[in-house]
Amino acid sequence: GVKLGCGEGECGACTVLLNGLPVNSCLVFALE
């Protein structure tokens, strides 16, 4: 369900909630 669109945080297709806040998961390192 997590889509990979632009890979640059511009499209929002990869948005997930991280501790309840929306983030572009393509811009977040998993270790973060």
Full PDB file with SEQRES, HELIX, SHEET, SSBOND, CRYST1, ORIGX, SCALE, CONECT and MASTER records, all heavy atoms in Angstrom:
SEQRES   1 A   32  GLY VAL LYS LEU GLY CYS GLY GLU GLY GLU CYS GLY ALA          
SEQRES   2 A   32  CYS THR VAL LEU LEU ASN GLY LEU PRO VAL ASN SER CYS          
SEQRES   3 A   32  LEU VAL PHE ALA LEU GLU                                      
SHEET    1 AA1 2 THR A  15  LEU A  18  0                                        
SHEET    2 AA1 2 LEU A  21  ASN A  24 -1                                        
CRYST1    1.000    1.000    1.000  90.00  90.00  90.00 P 1           1          
ORIGX1      1.000000  0.000000  0.000000        0.00000                         
ORIGX2      0.000000  1.000000  0.000000        0.00000                         
ORIGX3      0.000000  0.000000  1.000000        0.00000                         
SCALE1      1.000000  0.000000  0.000000        0.00000                         
SCALE2      0.000000  1.000000  0.000000        0.00000                         
SCALE3      0.000000  0.000000  1.000000        0.00000                         
ATOM      1  N   GLY A   1       0.823  -1.202   0.000  1.00  0.00           N  
ATOM      2  CA  GLY A   1       0.000   0.000   0.000  1.00  0.00           C  
ATOM      3  C   GLY A   1       0.854   1.248   0.000  1.00  0.00           C  
ATOM      4  O   GLY A   1       0.396   2.325  -0.361  1.00  0.00           O  
ATOM      5  N   VAL A   2       2.107   1.116   0.402  1.00  0.00           N  
ATOM      6  CA  VAL A   2       3.070   2.214   0.337  1.00  0.00           C  
ATOM      7  C   VAL A   2       3.563   2.264  -1.106  1.00  0.00           C  
ATOM      8  O   VAL A   2       4.209   1.339  -1.576  1.00  0.00           O  
ATOM      9  CB  VAL A   2       4.259   1.979   1.300  1.00  0.00           C  
ATOM     10  CG1 VAL A   2       5.275   3.100   1.186  1.00  0.00           C  
ATOM     11  CG2 VAL A   2       3.763   1.825   2.726  1.00  0.00           C  
ATOM     12  N   LYS A   3       3.228   3.335  -1.798  1.00  0.00           N  
ATOM     13  CA  LYS A   3       3.594   3.462  -3.208  1.00  0.00           C  
ATOM     14  C   LYS A   3       4.893   4.229  -3.357  1.00  0.00           C  
ATOM     15  O   LYS A   3       5.191   5.125  -2.576  1.00  0.00           O  
ATOM     16  CB  LYS A   3       2.491   4.182  -4.000  1.00  0.00           C  
ATOM     17  CG  LYS A   3       1.124   3.538  -3.868  1.00  0.00           C  
ATOM     18  CD  LYS A   3       1.132   2.112  -4.336  1.00  0.00           C  
ATOM     19  CE  LYS A   3      -0.248   1.495  -4.264  1.00  0.00           C  
ATOM     20  NZ  LYS A   3      -0.209   0.058  -4.221  1.00  0.00           N  
ATOM     21  N   LEU A   4       5.665   3.861  -4.352  1.00  0.00           N  
ATOM     22  CA  LEU A   4       6.889   4.592  -4.675  1.00  0.00           C  
ATOM     23  C   LEU A   4       6.617   5.406  -5.928  1.00  0.00           C  
ATOM     24  O   LEU A   4       6.544   4.867  -7.025  1.00  0.00           O  
ATOM     25  CB  LEU A   4       8.059   3.633  -4.886  1.00  0.00           C  
ATOM     26  CG  LEU A   4       8.483   2.855  -3.643  1.00  0.00           C  
ATOM     27  CD1 LEU A   4       9.581   1.864  -3.975  1.00  0.00           C  
ATOM     28  CD2 LEU A   4       8.934   3.803  -2.552  1.00  0.00           C  
ATOM     29  N   GLY A   5       6.440   6.702  -5.735  1.00  0.00           N  
ATOM     30  CA  GLY A   5       6.132   7.587  -6.855  1.00  0.00           C  
ATOM     31  C   GLY A   5       7.373   8.285  -7.349  1.00  0.00           C  
ATOM     32  O   GLY A   5       8.093   7.790  -8.208  1.00  0.00           O  
ATOM     33  N   CYS A   6       7.663   9.417  -6.768  1.00  0.00           N  
ATOM     34  CA  CYS A   6       8.755  10.258  -7.262  1.00  0.00           C  
ATOM     35  C   CYS A   6      10.102   9.954  -6.617  1.00  0.00           C  
ATOM     36  O   CYS A   6      11.138  10.256  -7.192  1.00  0.00           O  
ATOM     37  CB  CYS A   6       8.395  11.724  -7.033  1.00  0.00           C  
ATOM     38  SG  CYS A   6       8.305  12.175  -5.280  1.00  0.00           S  
ATOM     39  N   GLY A   7      10.114   9.424  -5.409  1.00  0.00           N  
ATOM     40  CA  GLY A   7      11.369   9.189  -4.699  1.00  0.00           C  
ATOM     41  C   GLY A   7      12.029  10.458  -4.205  1.00  0.00           C  
ATOM     42  O   GLY A   7      13.176  10.437  -3.753  1.00  0.00           O  
ATOM     43  N   GLU A   8      11.314  11.578  -4.278  1.00  0.00           N  
ATOM     44  CA  GLU A   8      11.875  12.873  -3.885  1.00  0.00           C  
ATOM     45  C   GLU A   8      11.005  13.631  -2.886  1.00  0.00           C  
ATOM     46  O   GLU A   8      11.230  14.805  -2.629  1.00  0.00           O  
ATOM     47  CB  GLU A   8      12.087  13.740  -5.126  1.00  0.00           C  
ATOM     48  CG  GLU A   8      13.075  13.129  -6.094  1.00  0.00           C  
ATOM     49  CD  GLU A   8      13.217  13.929  -7.383  1.00  0.00           C  
ATOM     50  OE1 GLU A   8      12.460  14.913  -7.574  1.00  0.00           O  
ATOM     51  OE2 GLU A   8      14.068  13.560  -8.187  1.00  0.00           O  
ATOM     52  N   GLY A   9       9.951  12.987  -2.369  1.00  0.00           N  
ATOM     53  CA  GLY A   9       9.083  13.633  -1.398  1.00  0.00           C  
ATOM     54  C   GLY A   9       8.146  14.664  -1.994  1.00  0.00           C  
ATOM     55  O   GLY A   9       7.608  15.495  -1.271  1.00  0.00           O  
ATOM     56  N   GLU A  10       7.926  14.617  -3.293  1.00  0.00           N  
ATOM     57  CA  GLU A  10       7.087  15.615  -3.961  1.00  0.00           C  
ATOM     58  C   GLU A  10       5.640  15.165  -4.159  1.00  0.00           C  
ATOM     59  O   GLU A  10       4.753  15.989  -4.252  1.00  0.00           O  
ATOM     60  CB  GLU A  10       7.682  15.969  -5.330  1.00  0.00           C  
ATOM     61  CG  GLU A  10       9.032  16.629  -5.253  1.00  0.00           C  
ATOM     62  CD  GLU A  10       8.986  18.016  -4.646  1.00  0.00           C  
ATOM     63  OE1 GLU A  10       7.976  18.724  -4.835  1.00  0.00           O  
ATOM     64  OE2 GLU A  10       9.957  18.391  -3.966  1.00  0.00           O  
ATOM     65  N   CYS A  11       5.391  13.845  -4.244  1.00  0.00           N  
ATOM     66  CA  CYS A  11       4.059  13.391  -4.655  1.00  0.00           C  
ATOM     67  C   CYS A  11       3.182  12.893  -3.508  1.00  0.00           C  
ATOM     68  O   CYS A  11       1.969  12.899  -3.620  1.00  0.00           O  
ATOM     69  CB  CYS A  11       4.171  12.310  -5.726  1.00  0.00           C  
ATOM     70  SG  CYS A  11       4.769  10.716  -5.131  1.00  0.00           S  
ATOM     71  N   GLY A  12       3.770  12.417  -2.424  1.00  0.00           N  
ATOM     72  CA  GLY A  12       2.998  11.948  -1.283  1.00  0.00           C  
ATOM     73  C   GLY A  12       2.487  10.519  -1.400  1.00  0.00           C  
ATOM     74  O   GLY A  12       1.805  10.040  -0.501  1.00  0.00           O  
ATOM     75  N   ALA A  13       2.794   9.835  -2.487  1.00  0.00           N  
ATOM     76  CA  ALA A  13       2.297   8.467  -2.669  1.00  0.00           C  
ATOM     77  C   ALA A  13       2.853   7.506  -1.620  1.00  0.00           C  
ATOM     78  O   ALA A  13       2.226   6.499  -1.310  1.00  0.00           O  
ATOM     79  CB  ALA A  13       2.637   7.954  -4.067  1.00  0.00           C  
ATOM     80  N   CYS A  14       3.988   7.827  -1.069  1.00  0.00           N  
ATOM     81  CA  CYS A  14       4.631   6.952  -0.080  1.00  0.00           C  
ATOM     82  C   CYS A  14       4.289   7.335   1.357  1.00  0.00           C  
ATOM     83  O   CYS A  14       4.901   6.809   2.302  1.00  0.00           O  
ATOM     84  CB  CYS A  14       6.145   6.992  -0.274  1.00  0.00           C  
ATOM     85  SG  CYS A  14       6.853   8.620   0.120  1.00  0.00           S  
ATOM     86  N   THR A  15       3.324   8.220   1.550  1.00  0.00           N  
ATOM     87  CA  THR A  15       2.995   8.715   2.891  1.00  0.00           C  
ATOM     88  C   THR A  15       2.570   7.587   3.818  1.00  0.00           C  
ATOM     89  O   THR A  15       1.748   6.747   3.466  1.00  0.00           O  
ATOM     90  CB  THR A  15       1.878   9.769   2.827  1.00  0.00           C  
ATOM     91  OG1 THR A  15       2.309  10.855   2.019  1.00  0.00           O  
ATOM     92  CG2 THR A  15       1.523  10.283   4.214  1.00  0.00           C  
ATOM     93  N   VAL A  16       3.166   7.577   4.996  1.00  0.00           N  
ATOM     94  CA  VAL A  16       2.774   6.700   6.100  1.00  0.00           C  
ATOM     95  C   VAL A  16       2.683   7.575   7.345  1.00  0.00           C  
ATOM     96  O   VAL A  16       3.131   8.723   7.343  1.00  0.00           O  
ATOM     97  CB  VAL A  16       3.787   5.547   6.329  1.00  0.00           C  
ATOM     98  CG1 VAL A  16       3.906   4.666   5.096  1.00  0.00           C  
ATOM     99  CG2 VAL A  16       5.145   6.066   6.758  1.00  0.00           C  
ATOM    100  N   LEU A  17       2.101   7.032   8.397  1.00  0.00           N  
ATOM    101  CA  LEU A  17       2.087   7.747   9.674  1.00  0.00           C  
ATOM    102  C   LEU A  17       3.225   7.224  10.529  1.00  0.00           C  
ATOM    103  O   LEU A  17       3.342   6.017  10.761  1.00  0.00           O  
ATOM    104  CB  LEU A  17       0.751   7.549  10.387  1.00  0.00           C  
ATOM    105  CG  LEU A  17      -0.475   8.056   9.640  1.00  0.00           C  
ATOM    106  CD1 LEU A  17      -1.742   7.805  10.458  1.00  0.00           C  
ATOM    107  CD2 LEU A  17      -0.342   9.529   9.293  1.00  0.00           C  
ATOM    108  N   LEU A  18       4.081   8.118  10.960  1.00  0.00           N  
ATOM    109  CA  LEU A  18       5.203   7.785  11.831  1.00  0.00           C  
ATOM    110  C   LEU A  18       4.903   8.424  13.174  1.00  0.00           C  
ATOM    111  O   LEU A  18       4.887   9.660  13.286  1.00  0.00           O  
ATOM    112  CB  LEU A  18       6.512   8.309  11.233  1.00  0.00           C  
ATOM    113  CG  LEU A  18       7.796   7.992  11.971  1.00  0.00           C  
ATOM    114  CD1 LEU A  18       8.040   6.479  12.021  1.00  0.00           C  
ATOM    115  CD2 LEU A  18       8.978   8.686  11.298  1.00  0.00           C  
ATOM    116  N   ASN A  19       4.576   7.578  14.148  1.00  0.00           N  
ATOM    117  CA  ASN A  19       4.117   8.070  15.451  1.00  0.00           C  
ATOM    118  C   ASN A  19       2.952   9.050  15.282  1.00  0.00           C  
ATOM    119  O   ASN A  19       2.873  10.071  15.954  1.00  0.00           O  
ATOM    120  CB  ASN A  19       5.251   8.699  16.251  1.00  0.00           C  
ATOM    121  CG  ASN A  19       6.251   7.673  16.716  1.00  0.00           C  
ATOM    122  OD1 ASN A  19       5.947   6.494  16.858  1.00  0.00           O  
ATOM    123  ND2 ASN A  19       7.479   8.105  16.943  1.00  0.00           N  
ATOM    124  N   GLY A  20       2.067   8.738  14.344  1.00  0.00           N  
ATOM    125  CA  GLY A  20       0.858   9.514  14.140  1.00  0.00           C  
ATOM    126  C   GLY A  20       0.981  10.692  13.198  1.00  0.00           C  
ATOM    127  O   GLY A  20      -0.018  11.334  12.893  1.00  0.00           O  
ATOM    128  N   LEU A  21       2.183  10.991  12.741  1.00  0.00           N  
ATOM    129  CA  LEU A  21       2.387  12.136  11.852  1.00  0.00           C  
ATOM    130  C   LEU A  21       2.676  11.659  10.436  1.00  0.00           C  
ATOM    131  O   LEU A  21       3.444  10.710  10.243  1.00  0.00           O  
ATOM    132  CB  LEU A  21       3.543  13.003  12.349  1.00  0.00           C  
ATOM    133  CG  LEU A  21       3.370  13.601  13.739  1.00  0.00           C  
ATOM    134  CD1 LEU A  21       4.641  14.328  14.163  1.00  0.00           C  
ATOM    135  CD2 LEU A  21       2.176  14.541  13.764  1.00  0.00           C  
ATOM    136  N   PRO A  22       2.105  12.315   9.431  1.00  0.00           N  
ATOM    137  CA  PRO A  22       2.367  11.893   8.051  1.00  0.00           C  
ATOM    138  C   PRO A  22       3.790  12.248   7.625  1.00  0.00           C  
ATOM    139  O   PRO A  22       4.251  13.369   7.870  1.00  0.00           O  
ATOM    140  CB  PRO A  22       1.338  12.671   7.239  1.00  0.00           C  
ATOM    141  CG  PRO A  22       0.973  13.845   8.070  1.00  0.00           C  
ATOM    142  CD  PRO A  22       1.178  13.443   9.501  1.00  0.00           C  
ATOM    143  N   VAL A  23       4.473  11.280   7.020  1.00  0.00           N  
ATOM    144  CA  VAL A  23       5.817  11.497   6.493  1.00  0.00           C  
ATOM    145  C   VAL A  23       5.921  10.843   5.117  1.00  0.00           C  
ATOM    146  O   VAL A  23       5.235   9.868   4.829  1.00  0.00           O  
ATOM    147  CB  VAL A  23       6.929  10.928   7.405  1.00  0.00           C  
ATOM    148  CG1 VAL A  23       6.921  11.586   8.771  1.00  0.00           C  
ATOM    149  CG2 VAL A  23       6.826   9.422   7.534  1.00  0.00           C  
ATOM    150  N   ASN A  24       6.789  11.393   4.303  1.00  0.00           N  
ATOM    151  CA  ASN A  24       7.115  10.776   3.025  1.00  0.00           C  
ATOM    152  C   ASN A  24       8.159   9.699   3.308  1.00  0.00           C  
ATOM    153  O   ASN A  24       9.320  10.013   3.566  1.00  0.00           O  
ATOM    154  CB  ASN A  24       7.667  11.809   2.042  1.00  0.00           C  
ATOM    155  CG  ASN A  24       6.620  12.806   1.621  1.00  0.00           C  
ATOM    156  OD1 ASN A  24       5.467  12.457   1.413  1.00  0.00           O  
ATOM    157  ND2 ASN A  24       7.010  14.059   1.496  1.00  0.00           N  
ATOM    158  N   SER A  25       7.742   8.457   3.263  1.00  0.00           N  
ATOM    159  CA  SER A  25       8.638   7.366   3.655  1.00  0.00           C  
ATOM    160  C   SER A  25       9.799   7.174   2.699  1.00  0.00           C  
ATOM    161  O   SER A  25      10.776   6.524   3.049  1.00  0.00           O  
ATOM    162  CB  SER A  25       7.852   6.059   3.825  1.00  0.00           C  
ATOM    163  OG  SER A  25       7.251   5.654   2.611  1.00  0.00           O  
ATOM    164  N   CYS A  26       9.738   7.780   1.514  1.00  0.00           N  
ATOM    165  CA  CYS A  26      10.867   7.710   0.586  1.00  0.00           C  
ATOM    166  C   CYS A  26      12.015   8.602   1.044  1.00  0.00           C  
ATOM    167  O   CYS A  26      13.151   8.437   0.594  1.00  0.00           O  
ATOM    168  CB  CYS A  26      10.443   8.075  -0.834  1.00  0.00           C  
ATOM    169  SG  CYS A  26      10.068   9.836  -1.093  1.00  0.00           S  
ATOM    170  N   LEU A  27      11.736   9.554   1.932  1.00  0.00           N  
ATOM    171  CA  LEU A  27      12.761  10.483   2.416  1.00  0.00           C  
ATOM    172  C   LEU A  27      13.286  10.138   3.804  1.00  0.00           C  
ATOM    173  O   LEU A  27      14.230  10.767   4.280  1.00  0.00           O  
ATOM    174  CB  LEU A  27      12.197  11.911   2.460  1.00  0.00           C  
ATOM    175  CG  LEU A  27      11.782  12.521   1.137  1.00  0.00           C  
ATOM    176  CD1 LEU A  27      11.265  13.945   1.353  1.00  0.00           C  
ATOM    177  CD2 LEU A  27      12.923  12.513   0.143  1.00  0.00           C  
ATOM    178  N   VAL A  28      12.676   9.163   4.451  1.00  0.00           N  
ATOM    179  CA  VAL A  28      13.058   8.792   5.817  1.00  0.00           C  
ATOM    180  C   VAL A  28      13.905   7.521   5.759  1.00  0.00           C  
ATOM    181  O   VAL A  28      13.483   6.518   5.188  1.00  0.00           O  
ATOM    182  CB  VAL A  28      11.797   8.536   6.676  1.00  0.00           C  
ATOM    183  CG1 VAL A  28      12.164   8.043   8.063  1.00  0.00           C  
ATOM    184  CG2 VAL A  28      10.940   9.797   6.752  1.00  0.00           C  
ATOM    185  N   PHE A  29      15.093   7.590   6.322  1.00  0.00           N  
ATOM    186  CA  PHE A  29      15.871   6.361   6.448  1.00  0.00           C  
ATOM    187  C   PHE A  29      15.182   5.464   7.463  1.00  0.00           C  
ATOM    188  O   PHE A  29      14.682   5.940   8.486  1.00  0.00           O  
ATOM    189  CB  PHE A  29      17.311   6.640   6.901  1.00  0.00           C  
ATOM    190  CG  PHE A  29      18.165   7.251   5.833  1.00  0.00           C  
ATOM    191  CD1 PHE A  29      18.758   8.482   6.023  1.00  0.00           C  
ATOM    192  CD2 PHE A  29      18.373   6.607   4.622  1.00  0.00           C  
ATOM    193  CE1 PHE A  29      19.548   9.057   5.051  1.00  0.00           C  
ATOM    194  CE2 PHE A  29      19.158   7.163   3.635  1.00  0.00           C  
ATOM    195  CZ  PHE A  29      19.747   8.392   3.843  1.00  0.00           C  
ATOM    196  N   ALA A  30      15.141   4.193   7.175  1.00  0.00           N  
ATOM    197  CA  ALA A  30      14.456   3.249   8.060  1.00  0.00           C  
ATOM    198  C   ALA A  30      15.007   3.339   9.482  1.00  0.00           C  
ATOM    199  O   ALA A  30      14.243   3.257  10.446  1.00  0.00           O  
ATOM    200  CB  ALA A  30      14.583   1.827   7.506  1.00  0.00           C  
ATOM    201  N   LEU A  31      16.306   3.526   9.626  1.00  0.00           N  
ATOM    202  CA  LEU A  31      16.896   3.592  10.967  1.00  0.00           C  
ATOM    203  C   LEU A  31      16.393   4.795  11.768  1.00  0.00           C  
ATOM    204  O   LEU A  31      16.429   4.775  12.996  1.00  0.00           O  
ATOM    205  CB  LEU A  31      18.423   3.605  10.884  1.00  0.00           C  
ATOM    206  CG  LEU A  31      19.056   2.271  10.491  1.00  0.00           C  
ATOM    207  CD1 LEU A  31      20.559   2.425  10.321  1.00  0.00           C  
ATOM    208  CD2 LEU A  31      18.732   1.187  11.511  1.00  0.00           C  
ATOM    209  N   GLU A  32      15.889   5.821  11.090  1.00  0.00           N  
ATOM    210  CA  GLU A  32      15.310   6.966  11.792  1.00  0.00           C  
ATOM    211  C   GLU A  32      14.009   6.585  12.491  1.00  0.00           C  
ATOM    212  O   GLU A  32      13.553   7.302  13.379  1.00  0.00           O  
ATOM    213  CB  GLU A  32      15.033   8.107  10.821  1.00  0.00           C  
ATOM    214  CG  GLU A  32      16.277   8.746  10.248  1.00  0.00           C  
ATOM    215  CD  GLU A  32      15.932   9.848   9.274  1.00  0.00           C  
ATOM    216  OE1 GLU A  32      15.624  10.976   9.743  1.00  0.00           O  
ATOM    217  OE2 GLU A  32      15.944   9.584   8.056  1.00  0.00           O  
TER     218      GLU A  32                                                      
MASTER        0    0    0    0    2    0    0    6  217    1    0    3          
END                                                                             
